[in-house]
Structure formats: structure tokens, C-alpha cells
């Protein structure tokens, strides 16, 4: 078991004007065997959170408990956690074999014990031809495999990953992401993975924690985060092409409540909502639908067409703003052509224009 609890965790870096508040009262629980991903923009506190868990930085306030035991005052070596840094931190003068077993030798493990740890990792990470080379003589992807093997050789209770795929090209990122997820599921290892990439978070995570400016904004499964964002920040962060936003008001009509944009050019039913002024209606590209006259909708002029294999994205100007819609892959739309669009009313999310918080029925 490896259940980690963060209880009102704060971290302030000393300095002028009260210092820098990296984390502010973050509370969450990572369950045993879970792949838990922390996501947020630069400066959100992701790496600070990981360093506190690893014991590399000290808590300003709060507590971190591993299976109910407080880690306050426990040095990094006593936590039985492994951390893979963004820069991998391999020893350049050591061979691949020496890098992997160095930590085991420091612990004075016997040669047979070290061999027993090393052997399965060689096969799993395809290191057979690399063992006698130094890091400078192998590729970035190969260095990544060495760093993960070294971390797992310690048989950690929790594996901590600080944006380890950041420097890899897209095909390698996808490959390592899948390998990591398979490894985690097969082994039942608890993994805490930090990334700035929301799509990577959704591909890997059992649950996601979204951080912004040192605070926990939302916690949930990938589906919960994507389908029910708590505010506009989360809604914009997740999704391959982001979310379209239309400013307007929720007004009463004969059938209940309807959304009407500020220009009065777009209007649709708003089931389950109440009358309200100054709202932003969020519509994901897959919920902005092409229609043919005389179906109800609104017109737009195509600005660009982006083809990405199975997906085709149309960027159009609608009521003075640029919006993105996902259309059938073999669509014949071209820049300059006119399209007619509508929305799926049940898929629209509404946010307060002032605070950005989600408006719920």
C-alpha cells in the first residue's frame, strides 16, 4: 500500500514583500495504485508540490502523510520514493549499468540482490545494447528509459515524475506515455506525474489535479474535468482545440430560458439554467455543428481549414469573433466560403463573465 495524503500543504519561498507563495493550502489524497497527474501552467506550483512530497523542500505549513505516517522531518532517503527529474539527472561519467545500480550500491546491497533488481529492468526498457555506454553516447529516448529504470530499481512505494517527457519529440512522447501507463497498470505502482500538457494528463491519469497560482482549482477524473469544468480557466485548458466562448445573457422566453449573444445574432435554448446577465457560453468544437438551410443556426465565414488526419478543424468568423468547429474529415470547405452552424444546447457550459466560475442549474 502507498496512500499519500496532503493536508493543507503550503510552501513559501523567503524573499522581499513576504516572499513567493508557491503553494497555498493544498489538500488532496492519492490512492494506492493510482496514476495521479498534476497539471497546470508554468508557475502553478506543480514542481514545488513534487519536491515537497520527495522531501527536497520543507513545508511552510500543513502535513504530508504516507499511509498515515507524517513525513515531516523524514529525509528523502527515508521516504522510499523515486523521483525522475525533467532533466533526467543521469551521471555523465557512468555507464548505463552504473547509473541504474548506483543507488543500490550506496545502500550496500549485495551483488546477487543488485543483479535480481537489474535483470528484469534490462528487458522491460530494452537496454541490452546500452549497458556499457555512457549517457552522452545514447539518444534522448534511450536516456529516458535509463532514468525510469534507475528510478524503479529502488523498488519505490511511489514513483514521482517531473515532466520527464518534456524534451522528447511527439512520437516518442506518445510511446513513453503508453509504456508508462502499461507499466503502472501491470505493477499497481502508485505514480504521481507532473505535466503542463492537459492532453498528456487526460491520456495517463486515473485522476487529475489542476493547479493555478499555487492553488488547487479542480480535482477529478479526466471525464469529470473535461465534461464539467469548474471555471473558465479549466474549460480553456482542456481540449485539443480549447473551447469557444460567446458573451451574452440568459433571458426568459416562452419555453423557459434562452441564451442570446451580445450582438443579438445568436440565440438558443438553455435547458436547466436560470435568467442571468453577463455570462460566457462555452461550446467545444465538437459541439459546434454544421447545418444546412433552412435549419436554424447562424452564419460564419471560413478563415482557415486545418486537417489533422481523422479530424478536420474549421476556423470561422461568426458575429465578429473567431470560432473553431470540428467537421467531417472529408469536408470540402475552403477559406472564404460561408458555413451555417448551430450548437447542441445540452452541451453548452455557462460561466459568469466577471468571476469565470461555472454557472450550474
Foldseek 3Di string as FASTA:
>chain_A
DWKKWWAQFWDFDDDPPRGATQAGGDTDIFDQLFAEEEAEDPSQNQVVVLCCLLQVDATPDTFMDIVNHTCHPPHNVRQQEFEQAQVRPFDQVQFLQCRQCVVVVVVVDDPVLLCVLLVVLCVLLVCPPGRGPGPVVDDLLSSLSSSVSSRCSSVGQEYEYENNCVPPDDVSSVVVLVSVQVVSNVVSHHYYYYDHQQVSCLSRGQKYFYTGSNYTQDIGHSVCLAQPPFFQVSQQRDDPRGWDKFWFWWDQDPVGTKTAGPVRQDIDDQPQAHGGHTKIKIAHQAFKDFDDPPDDFFKWFWAAWDADDQWIWTWTQTPNDTDIHTDGRPDPDDGGDMTTIDGDNVRIWMAHNPPRGTGGD
